[in-house]
mmCIF file of all heavy atoms, coordinates in Angstrom:
data_MODEL
# 
_entry.id   MODEL 
# 
loop_
_atom_site.group_PDB 
_atom_site.id 
_atom_site.type_symbol 
_atom_site.label_atom_id 
_atom_site.label_alt_id 
_atom_site.label_comp_id 
_atom_site.label_asym_id 
_atom_site.label_entity_id 
_atom_site.label_seq_id 
_atom_site.pdbx_PDB_ins_code 
_atom_site.Cartn_x 
_atom_site.Cartn_y 
_atom_site.Cartn_z 
_atom_site.occupancy 
_atom_site.B_iso_or_equiv 
_atom_site.pdbx_formal_charge 
_atom_site.auth_seq_id 
_atom_site.auth_comp_id 
_atom_site.auth_asym_id 
_atom_site.auth_atom_id 
_atom_site.pdbx_PDB_model_num 
ATOM 1   N N   . PRO A 1 1  ? -10.846 -49.509 -30.932 1.00 0.00 ? 1  PRO A N   1 
ATOM 2   C CA  . PRO A 1 1  ? -11.020 -48.071 -30.758 1.00 0.00 ? 1  PRO A CA  1 
ATOM 3   C C   . PRO A 1 1  ? -12.489 -47.681 -30.776 1.00 0.00 ? 1  PRO A C   1 
ATOM 4   O O   . PRO A 1 1  ? -13.244 -48.114 -31.628 1.00 0.00 ? 1  PRO A O   1 
ATOM 5   C CB  . PRO A 1 1  ? -10.272 -47.496 -31.972 1.00 0.00 ? 1  PRO A CB  1 
ATOM 6   C CG  . PRO A 1 1  ? -9.276  -48.547 -32.343 1.00 0.00 ? 1  PRO A CG  1 
ATOM 7   C CD  . PRO A 1 1  ? -9.932  -49.854 -32.037 1.00 0.00 ? 1  PRO A CD  1 
ATOM 8   N N   . GLY A 1 2  ? -12.860 -46.868 -29.830 1.00 0.00 ? 2  GLY A N   1 
ATOM 9   C CA  . GLY A 1 2  ? -14.233 -46.400 -29.755 1.00 0.00 ? 2  GLY A CA  1 
ATOM 10  C C   . GLY A 1 2  ? -15.185 -47.334 -29.052 1.00 0.00 ? 2  GLY A C   1 
ATOM 11  O O   . GLY A 1 2  ? -16.351 -46.996 -28.829 1.00 0.00 ? 2  GLY A O   1 
ATOM 12  N N   . ASP A 1 3  ? -14.759 -48.500 -28.672 1.00 0.00 ? 3  ASP A N   1 
ATOM 13  C CA  . ASP A 1 3  ? -15.620 -49.440 -27.976 1.00 0.00 ? 3  ASP A CA  1 
ATOM 14  C C   . ASP A 1 3  ? -15.694 -49.069 -26.508 1.00 0.00 ? 3  ASP A C   1 
ATOM 15  O O   . ASP A 1 3  ? -14.664 -48.900 -25.859 1.00 0.00 ? 3  ASP A O   1 
ATOM 16  C CB  . ASP A 1 3  ? -15.050 -50.856 -28.137 1.00 0.00 ? 3  ASP A CB  1 
ATOM 17  C CG  . ASP A 1 3  ? -15.906 -51.903 -27.476 1.00 0.00 ? 3  ASP A CG  1 
ATOM 18  O OD1 . ASP A 1 3  ? -17.019 -51.576 -27.041 1.00 0.00 ? 3  ASP A OD1 1 
ATOM 19  O OD2 . ASP A 1 3  ? -15.466 -53.053 -27.404 1.00 0.00 ? 3  ASP A OD2 1 
ATOM 20  N N   . ASN A 1 4  ? -16.874 -48.970 -25.944 1.00 0.00 ? 4  ASN A N   1 
ATOM 21  C CA  . ASN A 1 4  ? -16.970 -48.586 -24.551 1.00 0.00 ? 4  ASN A CA  1 
ATOM 22  C C   . ASN A 1 4  ? -16.704 -49.737 -23.607 1.00 0.00 ? 4  ASN A C   1 
ATOM 23  O O   . ASN A 1 4  ? -16.876 -49.590 -22.406 1.00 0.00 ? 4  ASN A O   1 
ATOM 24  C CB  . ASN A 1 4  ? -18.330 -47.931 -24.241 1.00 0.00 ? 4  ASN A CB  1 
ATOM 25  C CG  . ASN A 1 4  ? -19.417 -48.932 -23.937 1.00 0.00 ? 4  ASN A CG  1 
ATOM 26  O OD1 . ASN A 1 4  ? -19.275 -50.124 -24.153 1.00 0.00 ? 4  ASN A OD1 1 
ATOM 27  N ND2 . ASN A 1 4  ? -20.531 -48.448 -23.415 1.00 0.00 ? 4  ASN A ND2 1 
ATOM 28  N N   . SER A 1 5  ? -16.238 -50.874 -24.118 1.00 0.00 ? 5  SER A N   1 
ATOM 29  C CA  . SER A 1 5  ? -15.883 -51.969 -23.233 1.00 0.00 ? 5  SER A CA  1 
ATOM 30  C C   . SER A 1 5  ? -14.493 -51.802 -22.631 1.00 0.00 ? 5  SER A C   1 
ATOM 31  O O   . SER A 1 5  ? -14.033 -52.640 -21.882 1.00 0.00 ? 5  SER A O   1 
ATOM 32  C CB  . SER A 1 5  ? -15.965 -53.314 -23.973 1.00 0.00 ? 5  SER A CB  1 
ATOM 33  O OG  . SER A 1 5  ? -15.019 -53.374 -24.992 1.00 0.00 ? 5  SER A OG  1 
ATOM 34  N N   . GLN A 1 6  ? -13.792 -50.741 -22.953 1.00 0.00 ? 6  GLN A N   1 
ATOM 35  C CA  . GLN A 1 6  ? -12.502 -50.503 -22.334 1.00 0.00 ? 6  GLN A CA  1 
ATOM 36  C C   . GLN A 1 6  ? -12.685 -50.382 -20.833 1.00 0.00 ? 6  GLN A C   1 
ATOM 37  O O   . GLN A 1 6  ? -13.529 -49.681 -20.337 1.00 0.00 ? 6  GLN A O   1 
ATOM 38  C CB  . GLN A 1 6  ? -11.856 -49.240 -22.884 1.00 0.00 ? 6  GLN A CB  1 
ATOM 39  C CG  . GLN A 1 6  ? -10.431 -49.052 -22.373 1.00 0.00 ? 6  GLN A CG  1 
ATOM 40  C CD  . GLN A 1 6  ? -9.619  -48.170 -23.242 1.00 0.00 ? 6  GLN A CD  1 
ATOM 41  O OE1 . GLN A 1 6  ? -10.086 -47.676 -24.226 1.00 0.00 ? 6  GLN A OE1 1 
ATOM 42  N NE2 . GLN A 1 6  ? -8.375  -47.986 -22.904 1.00 0.00 ? 6  GLN A NE2 1 
ATOM 43  N N   . GLY A 1 7  ? -11.867 -51.086 -20.126 1.00 0.00 ? 7  GLY A N   1 
ATOM 44  C CA  . GLY A 1 7  ? -12.035 -51.151 -18.686 1.00 0.00 ? 7  GLY A CA  1 
ATOM 45  C C   . GLY A 1 7  ? -12.757 -52.408 -18.254 1.00 0.00 ? 7  GLY A C   1 
ATOM 46  O O   . GLY A 1 7  ? -12.879 -52.673 -17.078 1.00 0.00 ? 7  GLY A O   1 
ATOM 47  N N   . CYS A 1 8  ? -13.228 -53.216 -19.203 1.00 0.00 ? 8  CYS A N   1 
ATOM 48  C CA  . CYS A 1 8  ? -13.755 -54.532 -18.899 1.00 0.00 ? 8  CYS A CA  1 
ATOM 49  C C   . CYS A 1 8  ? -12.638 -55.523 -19.150 1.00 0.00 ? 8  CYS A C   1 
ATOM 50  O O   . CYS A 1 8  ? -12.031 -55.529 -20.201 1.00 0.00 ? 8  CYS A O   1 
ATOM 51  C CB  . CYS A 1 8  ? -14.962 -54.831 -19.771 1.00 0.00 ? 8  CYS A CB  1 
ATOM 52  S SG  . CYS A 1 8  ? -15.768 -56.349 -19.317 1.00 0.00 ? 8  CYS A SG  1 
ATOM 53  N N   . PHE A 1 9  ? -12.375 -56.374 -18.194 1.00 0.00 ? 9  PHE A N   1 
ATOM 54  C CA  . PHE A 1 9  ? -11.107 -57.074 -18.187 1.00 0.00 ? 9  PHE A CA  1 
ATOM 55  C C   . PHE A 1 9  ? -11.257 -58.551 -18.474 1.00 0.00 ? 9  PHE A C   1 
ATOM 56  O O   . PHE A 1 9  ? -12.337 -59.119 -18.465 1.00 0.00 ? 9  PHE A O   1 
ATOM 57  C CB  . PHE A 1 9  ? -10.429 -56.842 -16.840 1.00 0.00 ? 9  PHE A CB  1 
ATOM 58  C CG  . PHE A 1 9  ? -10.511 -55.412 -16.427 1.00 0.00 ? 9  PHE A CG  1 
ATOM 59  C CD1 . PHE A 1 9  ? -11.319 -55.012 -15.393 1.00 0.00 ? 9  PHE A CD1 1 
ATOM 60  C CD2 . PHE A 1 9  ? -9.824  -54.442 -17.149 1.00 0.00 ? 9  PHE A CD2 1 
ATOM 61  C CE1 . PHE A 1 9  ? -11.433 -53.673 -15.050 1.00 0.00 ? 9  PHE A CE1 1 
ATOM 62  C CE2 . PHE A 1 9  ? -9.938  -53.103 -16.805 1.00 0.00 ? 9  PHE A CE2 1 
ATOM 63  C CZ  . PHE A 1 9  ? -10.744 -52.718 -15.749 1.00 0.00 ? 9  PHE A CZ  1 
ATOM 64  N N   . GLY A 1 10 ? -10.138 -59.205 -18.730 1.00 0.00 ? 10 GLY A N   1 
ATOM 65  C CA  . GLY A 1 10 ? -10.124 -60.573 -19.192 1.00 0.00 ? 10 GLY A CA  1 
ATOM 66  C C   . GLY A 1 10 ? -10.261 -61.623 -18.134 1.00 0.00 ? 10 GLY A C   1 
ATOM 67  O O   . GLY A 1 10 ? -10.577 -61.354 -16.986 1.00 0.00 ? 10 GLY A O   1 
ATOM 68  N N   . ILE A 1 11 ? -10.004 -62.862 -18.508 1.00 0.00 ? 11 ILE A N   1 
ATOM 69  C CA  . ILE A 1 11 ? -10.192 -63.998 -17.641 1.00 0.00 ? 11 ILE A CA  1 
ATOM 70  C C   . ILE A 1 11 ? -9.069  -64.082 -16.627 1.00 0.00 ? 11 ILE A C   1 
ATOM 71  O O   . ILE A 1 11 ? -7.906  -63.909 -16.938 1.00 0.00 ? 11 ILE A O   1 
ATOM 72  C CB  . ILE A 1 11 ? -10.248 -65.283 -18.468 1.00 0.00 ? 11 ILE A CB  1 
ATOM 73  C CG1 . ILE A 1 11 ? -11.359 -65.179 -19.519 1.00 0.00 ? 11 ILE A CG1 1 
ATOM 74  C CG2 . ILE A 1 11 ? -10.468 -66.503 -17.599 1.00 0.00 ? 11 ILE A CG2 1 
ATOM 75  C CD1 . ILE A 1 11 ? -11.306 -66.265 -20.551 1.00 0.00 ? 11 ILE A CD1 1 
ATOM 76  N N   . VAL A 1 12 ? -9.405  -64.377 -15.399 1.00 0.00 ? 12 VAL A N   1 
ATOM 77  C CA  . VAL A 1 12 ? -8.427  -64.515 -14.330 1.00 0.00 ? 12 VAL A CA  1 
ATOM 78  C C   . VAL A 1 12 ? -8.367  -65.966 -13.879 1.00 0.00 ? 12 VAL A C   1 
ATOM 79  O O   . VAL A 1 12 ? -9.386  -66.577 -13.576 1.00 0.00 ? 12 VAL A O   1 
ATOM 80  C CB  . VAL A 1 12 ? -8.768  -63.614 -13.142 1.00 0.00 ? 12 VAL A CB  1 
ATOM 81  C CG1 . VAL A 1 12 ? -7.854  -63.906 -11.967 1.00 0.00 ? 12 VAL A CG1 1 
ATOM 82  C CG2 . VAL A 1 12 ? -8.657  -62.154 -13.549 1.00 0.00 ? 12 VAL A CG2 1 
ATOM 83  N N   . GLY A 1 13 ? -7.184  -66.534 -13.823 1.00 0.00 ? 13 GLY A N   1 
ATOM 84  C CA  . GLY A 1 13 ? -6.984  -67.847 -13.269 1.00 0.00 ? 13 GLY A CA  1 
ATOM 85  C C   . GLY A 1 13 ? -6.323  -67.755 -11.909 1.00 0.00 ? 13 GLY A C   1 
ATOM 86  O O   . GLY A 1 13 ? -5.514  -66.873 -11.670 1.00 0.00 ? 13 GLY A O   1 
ATOM 87  N N   . THR A 1 14 ? -6.670  -68.647 -11.019 1.00 0.00 ? 14 THR A N   1 
ATOM 88  C CA  . THR A 1 14 ? -6.055  -68.666 -9.703  1.00 0.00 ? 14 THR A CA  1 
ATOM 89  C C   . THR A 1 14 ? -5.609  -70.076 -9.375  1.00 0.00 ? 14 THR A C   1 
ATOM 90  O O   . THR A 1 14 ? -5.940  -71.036 -10.060 1.00 0.00 ? 14 THR A O   1 
ATOM 91  C CB  . THR A 1 14 ? -7.021  -68.178 -8.617  1.00 0.00 ? 14 THR A CB  1 
ATOM 92  O OG1 . THR A 1 14 ? -8.065  -69.140 -8.459  1.00 0.00 ? 14 THR A OG1 1 
ATOM 93  C CG2 . THR A 1 14 ? -7.629  -66.838 -8.982  1.00 0.00 ? 14 THR A CG2 1 
ATOM 94  N N   . THR A 1 15 ? -4.880  -70.215 -8.267  1.00 0.00 ? 15 THR A N   1 
ATOM 95  C CA  . THR A 1 15 ? -4.437  -71.527 -7.821  1.00 0.00 ? 15 THR A CA  1 
ATOM 96  C C   . THR A 1 15 ? -5.445  -72.132 -6.859  1.00 0.00 ? 15 THR A C   1 
ATOM 97  O O   . THR A 1 15 ? -6.165  -73.056 -7.196  1.00 0.00 ? 15 THR A O   1 
ATOM 98  C CB  . THR A 1 15 ? -3.055  -71.429 -7.174  1.00 0.00 ? 15 THR A CB  1 
ATOM 99  O OG1 . THR A 1 15 ? -3.072  -70.434 -6.143  1.00 0.00 ? 15 THR A OG1 1 
ATOM 100 C CG2 . THR A 1 15 ? -2.005  -71.036 -8.199  1.00 0.00 ? 15 THR A CG2 1 
ATOM 101 N N   . SER A 1 16 ? -5.563  -71.588 -5.659  1.00 0.00 ? 16 SER A N   1 
ATOM 102 C CA  . SER A 1 16 ? -6.509  -72.139 -4.697  1.00 0.00 ? 16 SER A CA  1 
ATOM 103 C C   . SER A 1 16 ? -7.950  -71.768 -4.987  1.00 0.00 ? 16 SER A C   1 
ATOM 104 O O   . SER A 1 16 ? -8.860  -72.387 -4.480  1.00 0.00 ? 16 SER A O   1 
ATOM 105 C CB  . SER A 1 16 ? -6.145  -71.684 -3.281  1.00 0.00 ? 16 SER A CB  1 
ATOM 106 O OG  . SER A 1 16 ? -6.216  -70.274 -3.183  1.00 0.00 ? 16 SER A OG  1 
ATOM 107 N N   . ALA A 1 17 ? -8.210  -70.747 -5.791  1.00 0.00 ? 17 ALA A N   1 
ATOM 108 C CA  . ALA A 1 17 ? -9.569  -70.338 -6.161  1.00 0.00 ? 17 ALA A CA  1 
ATOM 109 C C   . ALA A 1 17 ? -9.797  -70.580 -7.638  1.00 0.00 ? 17 ALA A C   1 
ATOM 110 O O   . ALA A 1 17 ? -10.209 -69.714 -8.392  1.00 0.00 ? 17 ALA A O   1 
ATOM 111 C CB  . ALA A 1 17 ? -9.808  -68.886 -5.809  1.00 0.00 ? 17 ALA A CB  1 
ATOM 112 N N   . VAL A 1 18 ? -9.580  -71.810 -8.064  1.00 0.00 ? 18 VAL A N   1 
ATOM 113 C CA  . VAL A 1 18 ? -9.681  -72.138 -9.484  1.00 0.00 ? 18 VAL A CA  1 
ATOM 114 C C   . VAL A 1 18 ? -11.090 -71.924 -10.015 1.00 0.00 ? 18 VAL A C   1 
ATOM 115 O O   . VAL A 1 18 ? -11.277 -71.696 -11.214 1.00 0.00 ? 18 VAL A O   1 
ATOM 116 C CB  . VAL A 1 18 ? -9.226  -73.585 -9.707  1.00 0.00 ? 18 VAL A CB  1 
ATOM 117 C CG1 . VAL A 1 18 ? -10.172 -74.551 -9.095  1.00 0.00 ? 18 VAL A CG1 1 
ATOM 118 C CG2 . VAL A 1 18 ? -9.064  -73.907 -11.158 1.00 0.00 ? 18 VAL A CG2 1 
ATOM 119 N N   . THR A 1 19 ? -12.109 -71.981 -9.151  1.00 0.00 ? 19 THR A N   1 
ATOM 120 C CA  . THR A 1 19 ? -13.480 -71.778 -9.618  1.00 0.00 ? 19 THR A CA  1 
ATOM 121 C C   . THR A 1 19 ? -13.698 -70.390 -10.184 1.00 0.00 ? 19 THR A C   1 
ATOM 122 O O   . THR A 1 19 ? -14.620 -70.183 -10.972 1.00 0.00 ? 19 THR A O   1 
ATOM 123 C CB  . THR A 1 19 ? -14.475 -72.008 -8.475  1.00 0.00 ? 19 THR A CB  1 
ATOM 124 O OG1 . THR A 1 19 ? -14.146 -71.149 -7.389  1.00 0.00 ? 19 THR A OG1 1 
ATOM 125 C CG2 . THR A 1 19 ? -14.454 -73.435 -7.999  1.00 0.00 ? 19 THR A CG2 1 
ATOM 126 N N   . LEU A 1 20 ? -12.863 -69.431 -9.823  1.00 0.00 ? 20 LEU A N   1 
ATOM 127 C CA  . LEU A 1 20 ? -13.021 -68.087 -10.364 1.00 0.00 ? 20 LEU A CA  1 
ATOM 128 C C   . LEU A 1 20 ? -12.776 -68.039 -11.864 1.00 0.00 ? 20 LEU A C   1 
ATOM 129 O O   . LEU A 1 20 ? -13.242 -67.131 -12.538 1.00 0.00 ? 20 LEU A O   1 
ATOM 130 C CB  . LEU A 1 20 ? -12.074 -67.116 -9.666  1.00 0.00 ? 20 LEU A CB  1 
ATOM 131 C CG  . LEU A 1 20 ? -12.397 -66.781 -8.218  1.00 0.00 ? 20 LEU A CG  1 
ATOM 132 C CD1 . LEU A 1 20 ? -11.416 -65.761 -7.694  1.00 0.00 ? 20 LEU A CD1 1 
ATOM 133 C CD2 . LEU A 1 20 ? -13.806 -66.251 -8.082  1.00 0.00 ? 20 LEU A CD2 1 
ATOM 134 N N   . ILE A 1 21 ? -12.068 -69.021 -12.395 1.00 0.00 ? 21 ILE A N   1 
ATOM 135 C CA  . ILE A 1 21 ? -11.823 -69.041 -13.826 1.00 0.00 ? 21 ILE A CA  1 
ATOM 136 C C   . ILE A 1 21 ? -13.145 -69.101 -14.582 1.00 0.00 ? 21 ILE A C   1 
ATOM 137 O O   . ILE A 1 21 ? -13.423 -68.284 -15.451 1.00 0.00 ? 21 ILE A O   1 
ATOM 138 C CB  . ILE A 1 21 ? -10.938 -70.229 -14.214 1.00 0.00 ? 21 ILE A CB  1 
ATOM 139 C CG1 . ILE A 1 21 ? -9.556  -70.110 -13.560 1.00 0.00 ? 21 ILE A CG1 1 
ATOM 140 C CG2 . ILE A 1 21 ? -10.799 -70.315 -15.732 1.00 0.00 ? 21 ILE A CG2 1 
ATOM 141 C CD1 . ILE A 1 21 ? -8.678  -71.324 -13.805 1.00 0.00 ? 21 ILE A CD1 1 
ATOM 142 N N   . ALA A 1 22 ? -13.958 -70.093 -14.221 1.00 0.00 ? 22 ALA A N   1 
ATOM 143 C CA  . ALA A 1 22 ? -15.239 -70.255 -14.893 1.00 0.00 ? 22 ALA A CA  1 
ATOM 144 C C   . ALA A 1 22 ? -16.161 -69.087 -14.621 1.00 0.00 ? 22 ALA A C   1 
ATOM 145 O O   . ALA A 1 22 ? -16.879 -68.622 -15.507 1.00 0.00 ? 22 ALA A O   1 
ATOM 146 C CB  . ALA A 1 22 ? -15.898 -71.554 -14.453 1.00 0.00 ? 22 ALA A CB  1 
ATOM 147 N N   . VAL A 1 23 ? -16.145 -68.608 -13.406 1.00 0.00 ? 23 VAL A N   1 
ATOM 148 C CA  . VAL A 1 23 ? -17.010 -67.505 -13.032 1.00 0.00 ? 23 VAL A CA  1 
ATOM 149 C C   . VAL A 1 23 ? -16.657 -66.241 -13.804 1.00 0.00 ? 23 VAL A C   1 
ATOM 150 O O   . VAL A 1 23 ? -17.510 -65.572 -14.379 1.00 0.00 ? 23 VAL A O   1 
ATOM 151 C CB  . VAL A 1 23 ? -16.921 -67.243 -11.520 1.00 0.00 ? 23 VAL A CB  1 
ATOM 152 C CG1 . VAL A 1 23 ? -17.701 -65.994 -11.157 1.00 0.00 ? 23 VAL A CG1 1 
ATOM 153 C CG2 . VAL A 1 23 ? -17.452 -68.435 -10.734 1.00 0.00 ? 23 VAL A CG2 1 
ATOM 154 N N   . ALA A 1 24 ? -15.401 -65.906 -13.818 1.00 0.00 ? 24 ALA A N   1 
ATOM 155 C CA  . ALA A 1 24 ? -14.966 -64.695 -14.483 1.00 0.00 ? 24 ALA A CA  1 
ATOM 156 C C   . ALA A 1 24 ? -15.096 -64.793 -15.999 1.00 0.00 ? 24 ALA A C   1 
ATOM 157 O O   . ALA A 1 24 ? -15.249 -63.788 -16.677 1.00 0.00 ? 24 ALA A O   1 
ATOM 158 C CB  . ALA A 1 24 ? -13.531 -64.372 -14.100 1.00 0.00 ? 24 ALA A CB  1 
ATOM 159 N N   . THR A 1 25 ? -15.058 -66.009 -16.538 1.00 0.00 ? 25 THR A N   1 
ATOM 160 C CA  . THR A 1 25 ? -15.175 -66.173 -17.974 1.00 0.00 ? 25 THR A CA  1 
ATOM 161 C C   . THR A 1 25 ? -16.462 -65.568 -18.495 1.00 0.00 ? 25 THR A C   1 
ATOM 162 O O   . THR A 1 25 ? -16.466 -64.858 -19.498 1.00 0.00 ? 25 THR A O   1 
ATOM 163 C CB  . THR A 1 25 ? -15.108 -67.653 -18.365 1.00 0.00 ? 25 THR A CB  1 
ATOM 164 O OG1 . THR A 1 25 ? -13.836 -68.184 -18.014 1.00 0.00 ? 25 THR A OG1 1 
ATOM 165 C CG2 . THR A 1 25 ? -15.317 -67.827 -19.861 1.00 0.00 ? 25 THR A CG2 1 
ATOM 166 N N   . VAL A 1 26 ? -17.563 -65.827 -17.809 1.00 0.00 ? 26 VAL A N   1 
ATOM 167 C CA  . VAL A 1 26 ? -18.840 -65.300 -18.256 1.00 0.00 ? 26 VAL A CA  1 
ATOM 168 C C   . VAL A 1 26 ? -18.811 -63.784 -18.278 1.00 0.00 ? 26 VAL A C   1 
ATOM 169 O O   . VAL A 1 26 ? -19.308 -63.139 -19.198 1.00 0.00 ? 26 VAL A O   1 
ATOM 170 C CB  . VAL A 1 26 ? -19.987 -65.795 -17.352 1.00 0.00 ? 26 VAL A CB  1 
ATOM 171 C CG1 . VAL A 1 26 ? -21.314 -65.238 -17.836 1.00 0.00 ? 26 VAL A CG1 1 
ATOM 172 C CG2 . VAL A 1 26 ? -20.033 -67.311 -17.346 1.00 0.00 ? 26 VAL A CG2 1 
ATOM 173 N N   . ALA A 1 27 ? -18.210 -63.201 -17.256 1.00 0.00 ? 27 ALA A N   1 
ATOM 174 C CA  . ALA A 1 27 ? -18.164 -61.754 -17.188 1.00 0.00 ? 27 ALA A CA  1 
ATOM 175 C C   . ALA A 1 27 ? -17.432 -61.142 -18.366 1.00 0.00 ? 27 ALA A C   1 
ATOM 176 O O   . ALA A 1 27 ? -17.889 -60.170 -18.961 1.00 0.00 ? 27 ALA A O   1 
ATOM 177 C CB  . ALA A 1 27 ? -17.508 -61.318 -15.881 1.00 0.00 ? 27 ALA A CB  1 
ATOM 178 N N   . VAL A 1 28 ? -16.317 -61.726 -18.740 1.00 0.00 ? 28 VAL A N   1 
ATOM 179 C CA  . VAL A 1 28 ? -15.564 -61.145 -19.834 1.00 0.00 ? 28 VAL A CA  1 
ATOM 180 C C   . VAL A 1 28 ? -16.263 -61.362 -21.169 1.00 0.00 ? 28 VAL A C   1 
ATOM 181 O O   . VAL A 1 28 ? -16.185 -60.543 -22.067 1.00 0.00 ? 28 VAL A O   1 
ATOM 182 C CB  . VAL A 1 28 ? -14.124 -61.685 -19.873 1.00 0.00 ? 28 VAL A CB  1 
ATOM 183 C CG1 . VAL A 1 28 ? -14.077 -63.119 -20.310 1.00 0.00 ? 28 VAL A CG1 1 
ATOM 184 C CG2 . VAL A 1 28 ? -13.271 -60.835 -20.810 1.00 0.00 ? 28 VAL A CG2 1 
ATOM 185 N N   . LEU A 1 29 ? -17.000 -62.460 -21.283 1.00 0.00 ? 29 LEU A N   1 
ATOM 186 C CA  . LEU A 1 29 ? -17.636 -62.754 -22.548 1.00 0.00 ? 29 LEU A CA  1 
ATOM 187 C C   . LEU A 1 29 ? -18.647 -61.714 -22.963 1.00 0.00 ? 29 LEU A C   1 
ATOM 188 O O   . LEU A 1 29 ? -18.780 -61.398 -24.134 1.00 0.00 ? 29 LEU A O   1 
ATOM 189 C CB  . LEU A 1 29 ? -18.298 -64.131 -22.503 1.00 0.00 ? 29 LEU A CB  1 
ATOM 190 C CG  . LEU A 1 29 ? -17.344 -65.309 -22.371 1.00 0.00 ? 29 LEU A CG  1 
ATOM 191 C CD1 . LEU A 1 29 ? -18.108 -66.597 -22.422 1.00 0.00 ? 29 LEU A CD1 1 
ATOM 192 C CD2 . LEU A 1 29 ? -16.261 -65.267 -23.438 1.00 0.00 ? 29 LEU A CD2 1 
# 
């Protein structure tokens, strides 16, 4: 509550675009 990170989303995994997992991880961190 009160954190302005609301709207920042978690890690996404894909099948054919598995590289997005690592890429998106940094963003969520």
